């Protein structure tokens, strides 16, 4: 269920960002989001994740949800870029 709702929100992220900025800035935000994937993957590779897997899934899933909700707080480029990076790093 979580992946279904995350997928729906991801589809709406591009029109939201384009509503207050340019395509060039959207590309920069996309690059920051991708770096969040890389950092999250590296951290999980080194750390290995929590011993209790369900606790990790709940904690990181909650962080992803809060990050996604924070995108709607204000039409601010630094806020959206930071939240998107944090969202994608926590999604792993």
Protein backbone atom coordinates (compact mmCIF):
# COMPACT_ATOMS: atom_id res chain seq x y z
CA UNK A 1 0.00 0.00 0.00
CA UNK A 2 2.82 2.39 0.85
CA UNK A 3 4.40 1.98 -2.60
CA UNK A 4 1.05 2.68 -4.26
CA UNK A 5 0.60 5.99 -2.46
CA UNK A 6 4.24 6.97 -2.84
CA UNK A 7 3.96 6.31 -6.58
CA UNK A 8 0.89 8.53 -6.81
CA UNK A 9 2.69 11.33 -4.98
CA UNK A 10 5.82 10.97 -7.13
CA UNK A 11 3.80 11.48 -10.30
CA UNK A 12 2.45 14.77 -8.95
CA UNK A 13 5.86 16.05 -7.82
CA UNK A 14 6.94 17.35 -11.27
CA UNK A 15 3.82 19.49 -11.90
CA UNK A 16 4.06 20.83 -8.35
CA UNK A 17 7.66 21.93 -8.81
CA UNK A 18 7.00 23.34 -12.28
CA UNK A 19 4.15 25.43 -10.87
CA UNK A 20 6.64 27.76 -9.16
CA UNK A 21 9.97 27.27 -10.92
CA UNK A 22 11.61 26.52 -14.27
CA UNK A 23 12.57 23.28 -15.98
CA UNK A 24 16.25 24.04 -15.29
CA UNK A 25 15.64 24.15 -11.53
CA UNK A 26 13.55 20.98 -11.81
CA UNK A 27 16.63 19.28 -13.26
CA UNK A 28 18.75 20.48 -10.34
CA UNK A 29 16.16 19.21 -7.86
CA UNK A 30 16.12 15.89 -9.72
CA UNK A 31 19.90 15.69 -9.39
CA UNK A 32 19.69 16.39 -5.66
CA UNK A 33 17.02 13.71 -5.31
CA UNK A 34 19.21 11.22 -7.14
CA UNK A 35 22.11 12.04 -4.86
CA UNK A 36 19.76 11.21 -1.98
CA UNK A 37 19.31 7.76 -3.53
CA UNK A 38 23.08 7.34 -3.76
CA UNK A 39 23.73 8.49 -0.19
CA UNK A 40 20.92 6.32 1.18
CA UNK A 41 22.20 3.30 -0.73
CA UNK A 42 25.76 3.86 0.48
CA UNK A 43 24.64 4.25 4.09
CA UNK A 44 22.58 1.06 3.92
CA UNK A 45 25.47 -0.82 2.29
CA UNK A 46 27.91 0.23 5.00
CA UNK A 47 25.53 0.05 7.96
CA UNK A 48 23.42 -2.93 6.92
CA UNK A 49 20.23 -1.50 8.41
CA UNK A 50 18.63 -2.00 11.80
CA UNK A 51 18.61 -5.42 13.44
CA UNK A 52 14.83 -5.36 13.74
CA UNK A 53 13.84 -4.90 10.09
CA UNK A 54 10.22 -3.99 10.77
CA UNK A 55 11.32 -1.12 13.01
CA UNK A 56 13.52 0.19 10.21
CA UNK A 57 10.73 -0.09 7.66
CA UNK A 58 8.35 1.77 9.97
CA UNK A 59 10.87 4.48 10.89
CA UNK A 60 12.15 5.16 7.38
CA UNK A 61 8.64 4.89 5.92
CA UNK A 62 7.45 7.49 8.41
CA UNK A 63 10.38 9.75 7.53
CA UNK A 64 9.51 9.40 3.83
CA UNK A 65 5.90 10.33 4.51
CA UNK A 66 6.83 13.36 6.58
CA UNK A 67 9.30 14.49 3.93
CA UNK A 68 6.65 14.14 1.22
CA UNK A 69 4.18 16.14 3.33
CA UNK A 70 6.81 18.84 3.94
CA UNK A 71 7.07 19.52 0.19
CA UNK A 72 3.63 21.11 0.33
CA UNK A 73 4.50 23.55 3.12
CA UNK A 74 5.84 26.35 0.97
CA UNK A 75 6.78 26.91 -2.68
CA UNK A 76 10.45 27.27 -1.80
CA UNK A 77 13.19 25.81 -4.00
CA UNK A 78 15.64 25.06 -1.12
CA UNK A 79 12.87 23.42 0.90
CA UNK A 80 11.71 21.24 -1.99
CA UNK A 81 15.29 20.30 -2.96
CA UNK A 82 16.23 19.35 0.61
CA UNK A 83 13.03 17.48 1.27
CA UNK A 84 13.24 15.56 -2.03
CA UNK A 85 16.81 14.52 -1.25
CA UNK A 86 15.82 13.43 2.26
CA UNK A 87 12.73 11.67 0.96
CA UNK A 88 14.60 9.58 -1.56
CA UNK A 89 17.43 8.75 0.84
CA UNK A 90 14.92 7.55 3.45
CA UNK A 91 12.93 5.57 0.88
CA UNK A 92 15.67 2.95 0.56
